[in-house]
């Protein structure tokens, strides 16, 4: 996945997320929450919510409080169950 160029003039929210690759034989997805966690950015352009992939590294310019909130959210969230 390609990294996204983020807007510099808009409010950005950062989240850590796990992703499922969709491969039926992937042990990482079968035994856990998926691959990651990866950083994603979210912002609004008019009425549209936009998102962008940042990667494994902590986003440059993100406040310590925003990083702590994202890490706490991903630590307490349970992986969804798929049948």
N, C-alpha and C. Protein backbone atom coordinates (compact mmCIF):
# COMPACT_ATOMS: atom_id res chain seq x y z
N UNK A 1 0.85 -1.17 0.00
CA UNK A 1 0.00 0.00 0.00
C UNK A 1 0.89 1.23 0.00
N UNK A 2 0.57 2.20 -0.81
CA UNK A 2 1.37 3.42 -0.92
C UNK A 2 1.01 4.41 0.18
N UNK A 3 2.03 5.10 0.67
CA UNK A 3 1.79 6.13 1.68
C UNK A 3 1.08 7.31 1.05
N UNK A 4 0.26 7.97 1.85
CA UNK A 4 -0.55 9.08 1.38
C UNK A 4 0.09 10.41 1.72
N UNK A 5 -0.04 11.37 0.84
CA UNK A 5 0.37 12.74 1.14
C UNK A 5 -0.76 13.38 1.94
N UNK A 6 -0.47 13.81 3.15
CA UNK A 6 -1.49 14.35 4.03
C UNK A 6 -1.64 15.85 3.83
N UNK A 7 -2.86 16.36 4.01
CA UNK A 7 -3.05 17.81 3.92
C UNK A 7 -2.37 18.51 5.10
N UNK A 8 -1.90 19.70 4.87
CA UNK A 8 -1.21 20.43 5.94
C UNK A 8 -2.11 21.47 6.59
N UNK A 9 -3.23 21.78 5.97
CA UNK A 9 -4.09 22.86 6.47
C UNK A 9 -5.38 22.36 7.12
N UNK A 10 -5.53 21.05 7.34
CA UNK A 10 -6.75 20.49 7.91
C UNK A 10 -6.45 19.74 9.21
N UNK A 11 -7.48 19.57 10.05
CA UNK A 11 -7.33 18.79 11.28
C UNK A 11 -7.24 17.31 10.92
N UNK A 12 -6.25 16.63 11.45
CA UNK A 12 -6.03 15.21 11.15
C UNK A 12 -6.11 14.42 12.44
N UNK A 13 -6.84 13.30 12.39
CA UNK A 13 -6.93 12.36 13.50
C UNK A 13 -6.15 11.11 13.10
N UNK A 14 -5.39 10.56 14.04
CA UNK A 14 -4.57 9.38 13.75
C UNK A 14 -5.11 8.16 14.47
N UNK A 15 -5.06 7.00 13.81
CA UNK A 15 -5.49 5.74 14.40
C UNK A 15 -4.52 4.63 14.04
N UNK A 16 -4.39 3.69 14.95
CA UNK A 16 -3.67 2.45 14.69
C UNK A 16 -4.71 1.39 14.35
N UNK A 17 -4.48 0.64 13.28
CA UNK A 17 -5.44 -0.38 12.87
C UNK A 17 -4.73 -1.64 12.41
N UNK A 18 -5.40 -2.77 12.66
CA UNK A 18 -4.95 -4.05 12.11
C UNK A 18 -5.73 -4.30 10.83
N UNK A 19 -5.13 -5.01 9.88
CA UNK A 19 -5.79 -5.32 8.61
C UNK A 19 -5.71 -6.81 8.33
N UNK A 20 -6.77 -7.36 7.79
CA UNK A 20 -6.80 -8.75 7.33
C UNK A 20 -6.41 -8.77 5.86
N UNK A 21 -5.54 -9.71 5.50
CA UNK A 21 -5.06 -9.75 4.12
C UNK A 21 -6.02 -10.50 3.20
N UNK A 22 -6.86 -11.36 3.73
CA UNK A 22 -7.84 -12.07 2.92
C UNK A 22 -7.36 -13.40 2.38
N UNK A 23 -6.10 -13.75 2.63
CA UNK A 23 -5.60 -15.04 2.16
C UNK A 23 -6.12 -16.14 3.08
N UNK A 24 -6.70 -17.18 2.53
CA UNK A 24 -7.30 -18.22 3.37
C UNK A 24 -6.30 -18.99 4.22
N UNK A 25 -5.02 -19.00 3.85
CA UNK A 25 -4.02 -19.75 4.59
C UNK A 25 -3.15 -18.88 5.49
N UNK A 26 -3.48 -17.62 5.66
CA UNK A 26 -2.65 -16.72 6.45
C UNK A 26 -2.82 -17.00 7.94
N UNK A 27 -1.78 -17.48 8.57
CA UNK A 27 -1.82 -17.77 10.00
C UNK A 27 -1.93 -16.54 10.86
N UNK A 28 -1.37 -15.43 10.43
CA UNK A 28 -1.44 -14.18 11.19
C UNK A 28 -2.89 -13.73 11.33
N UNK A 29 -3.65 -13.82 10.26
CA UNK A 29 -5.05 -13.39 10.30
C UNK A 29 -5.93 -14.42 11.02
N UNK A 30 -5.60 -15.71 10.88
CA UNK A 30 -6.39 -16.75 11.53
C UNK A 30 -6.23 -16.72 13.05
N UNK A 31 -5.00 -16.51 13.53
CA UNK A 31 -4.71 -16.62 14.96
C UNK A 31 -4.76 -15.30 15.71
N UNK A 32 -4.86 -14.20 15.01
CA UNK A 32 -4.81 -12.92 15.70
C UNK A 32 -5.68 -11.88 15.04
N UNK A 33 -5.46 -10.64 15.42
CA UNK A 33 -6.30 -9.56 14.87
C UNK A 33 -5.96 -9.20 13.43
N UNK A 34 -4.85 -9.68 12.91
CA UNK A 34 -4.45 -9.37 11.54
C UNK A 34 -3.05 -8.80 11.51
N UNK A 35 -2.71 -8.19 10.40
CA UNK A 35 -1.39 -7.60 10.22
C UNK A 35 -1.37 -6.18 10.78
N UNK A 36 -0.24 -5.79 11.32
CA UNK A 36 -0.13 -4.44 11.84
C UNK A 36 0.27 -4.45 13.30
N UNK A 37 -0.01 -3.42 14.02
CA UNK A 37 -0.89 -2.30 13.66
C UNK A 37 -0.19 -1.30 12.75
N UNK A 38 -0.98 -0.67 11.88
CA UNK A 38 -0.52 0.35 10.96
C UNK A 38 -1.18 1.67 11.30
N UNK A 39 -0.48 2.75 11.07
CA UNK A 39 -1.01 4.09 11.31
C UNK A 39 -1.82 4.54 10.10
N UNK A 40 -2.99 5.13 10.38
CA UNK A 40 -3.85 5.74 9.36
C UNK A 40 -4.22 7.14 9.82
N UNK A 41 -4.40 8.03 8.87
CA UNK A 41 -4.81 9.40 9.15
C UNK A 41 -6.22 9.60 8.60
N UNK A 42 -7.03 10.39 9.32
CA UNK A 42 -8.39 10.71 8.89
C UNK A 42 -8.58 12.22 8.95
N UNK A 43 -9.24 12.78 7.93
CA UNK A 43 -9.55 14.21 7.89
C UNK A 43 -10.79 14.41 7.02
N UNK A 44 -11.38 15.57 7.14
CA UNK A 44 -12.57 15.91 6.35
C UNK A 44 -12.23 16.92 5.27
N UNK A 45 -12.76 16.67 4.09
CA UNK A 45 -12.72 17.61 2.98
C UNK A 45 -14.17 17.88 2.62
N UNK A 46 -14.68 19.02 3.09
CA UNK A 46 -16.10 19.30 2.94
C UNK A 46 -16.90 18.31 3.78
N UNK A 47 -17.81 17.60 3.15
CA UNK A 47 -18.61 16.59 3.86
C UNK A 47 -18.02 15.19 3.78
N UNK A 48 -16.92 15.03 3.06
CA UNK A 48 -16.33 13.70 2.87
C UNK A 48 -15.24 13.41 3.88
N UNK A 49 -15.30 12.23 4.45
CA UNK A 49 -14.24 11.75 5.33
C UNK A 49 -13.19 11.07 4.47
N UNK A 50 -11.98 11.51 4.57
CA UNK A 50 -10.87 10.95 3.81
C UNK A 50 -9.94 10.21 4.76
N UNK A 51 -9.22 9.24 4.24
CA UNK A 51 -8.25 8.52 5.06
C UNK A 51 -7.01 8.28 4.23
N UNK A 52 -5.91 8.06 4.94
CA UNK A 52 -4.65 7.80 4.27
C UNK A 52 -3.76 6.90 5.11
N UNK A 53 -3.09 6.00 4.42
CA UNK A 53 -2.16 5.08 5.05
C UNK A 53 -0.86 5.80 5.35
N UNK A 54 -0.35 5.64 6.56
CA UNK A 54 0.92 6.25 6.94
C UNK A 54 2.01 5.19 7.00
N UNK A 55 1.73 4.06 7.63
CA UNK A 55 2.70 2.98 7.73
C UNK A 55 2.91 2.53 9.16
N UNK A 56 3.98 1.80 9.39
CA UNK A 56 4.29 1.28 10.71
C UNK A 56 4.85 2.34 11.65
N UNK A 57 5.54 3.31 11.11
CA UNK A 57 6.20 4.33 11.93
C UNK A 57 5.19 5.36 12.41
N UNK A 58 5.42 5.84 13.61
CA UNK A 58 4.56 6.87 14.21
C UNK A 58 4.53 8.11 13.32
N UNK A 59 3.35 8.71 13.12
CA UNK A 59 3.26 9.87 12.24
C UNK A 59 4.06 11.06 12.74
N UNK A 60 4.74 11.72 11.82
CA UNK A 60 5.49 12.93 12.14
C UNK A 60 4.48 14.05 12.41
N UNK A 61 4.68 14.77 13.49
CA UNK A 61 3.79 15.89 13.80
C UNK A 61 2.61 15.52 14.66
N UNK A 62 2.41 14.24 14.97
CA UNK A 62 1.30 13.84 15.84
C UNK A 62 1.69 14.15 17.28
N UNK A 63 0.75 14.69 18.03
CA UNK A 63 1.03 15.03 19.43
C UNK A 63 1.18 13.75 20.25
N UNK A 64 1.88 13.87 21.36
CA UNK A 64 2.07 12.72 22.25
C UNK A 64 0.74 12.21 22.77
N UNK A 65 -0.20 13.12 23.02
CA UNK A 65 -1.52 12.73 23.52
C UNK A 65 -2.29 11.94 22.46
N UNK A 66 -2.21 12.36 21.20
CA UNK A 66 -2.90 11.65 20.12
C UNK A 66 -2.32 10.25 19.94
N UNK A 67 -1.01 10.13 20.03
CA UNK A 67 -0.36 8.82 19.90
C UNK A 67 -0.76 7.92 21.07
N UNK A 68 -0.78 8.46 22.27
CA UNK A 68 -1.17 7.67 23.45
C UNK A 68 -2.61 7.18 23.34
N UNK A 69 -3.52 8.05 22.85
CA UNK A 69 -4.93 7.65 22.68
C UNK A 69 -5.05 6.52 21.66
N UNK A 70 -4.35 6.64 20.54
CA UNK A 70 -4.41 5.62 19.50
C UNK A 70 -3.85 4.29 20.00
N UNK A 71 -2.74 4.35 20.73
CA UNK A 71 -2.15 3.12 21.26
C UNK A 71 -3.05 2.48 22.31
N UNK A 72 -3.71 3.28 23.13
CA UNK A 72 -4.63 2.75 24.14
C UNK A 72 -5.84 2.11 23.48
N UNK A 73 -6.36 2.73 22.41
CA UNK A 73 -7.52 2.17 21.70
C UNK A 73 -7.21 0.82 21.10
N UNK A 74 -6.07 0.69 20.47
CA UNK A 74 -5.73 -0.57 19.81
C UNK A 74 -5.41 -1.66 20.84
N UNK A 75 -4.91 -1.27 22.00
CA UNK A 75 -4.58 -2.25 23.05
C UNK A 75 -5.84 -2.82 23.70
N UNK A 76 -6.89 -2.03 23.79
CA UNK A 76 -8.11 -2.50 24.47
C UNK A 76 -9.14 -3.09 23.52
N UNK A 77 -8.98 -2.86 22.23
CA UNK A 77 -9.96 -3.34 21.26
C UNK A 77 -9.74 -4.82 20.98
N UNK A 78 -10.79 -5.58 20.99
CA UNK A 78 -10.69 -6.99 20.66
C UNK A 78 -10.80 -7.18 19.16
N UNK A 79 -10.18 -8.22 18.68
CA UNK A 79 -10.26 -8.52 17.25
C UNK A 79 -11.65 -9.00 16.90
N UNK A 80 -12.19 -8.60 15.75
CA UNK A 80 -13.51 -9.08 15.34
C UNK A 80 -13.45 -10.57 15.03
N UNK A 81 -14.55 -11.24 15.25
CA UNK A 81 -14.60 -12.67 14.96
C UNK A 81 -15.23 -12.91 13.62
N UNK A 82 -14.54 -13.65 12.78
CA UNK A 82 -15.05 -14.00 11.46
C UNK A 82 -15.27 -15.49 11.41
N UNK A 83 -16.31 -15.89 10.79
CA UNK A 83 -16.62 -17.33 10.67
C UNK A 83 -15.98 -17.92 9.44
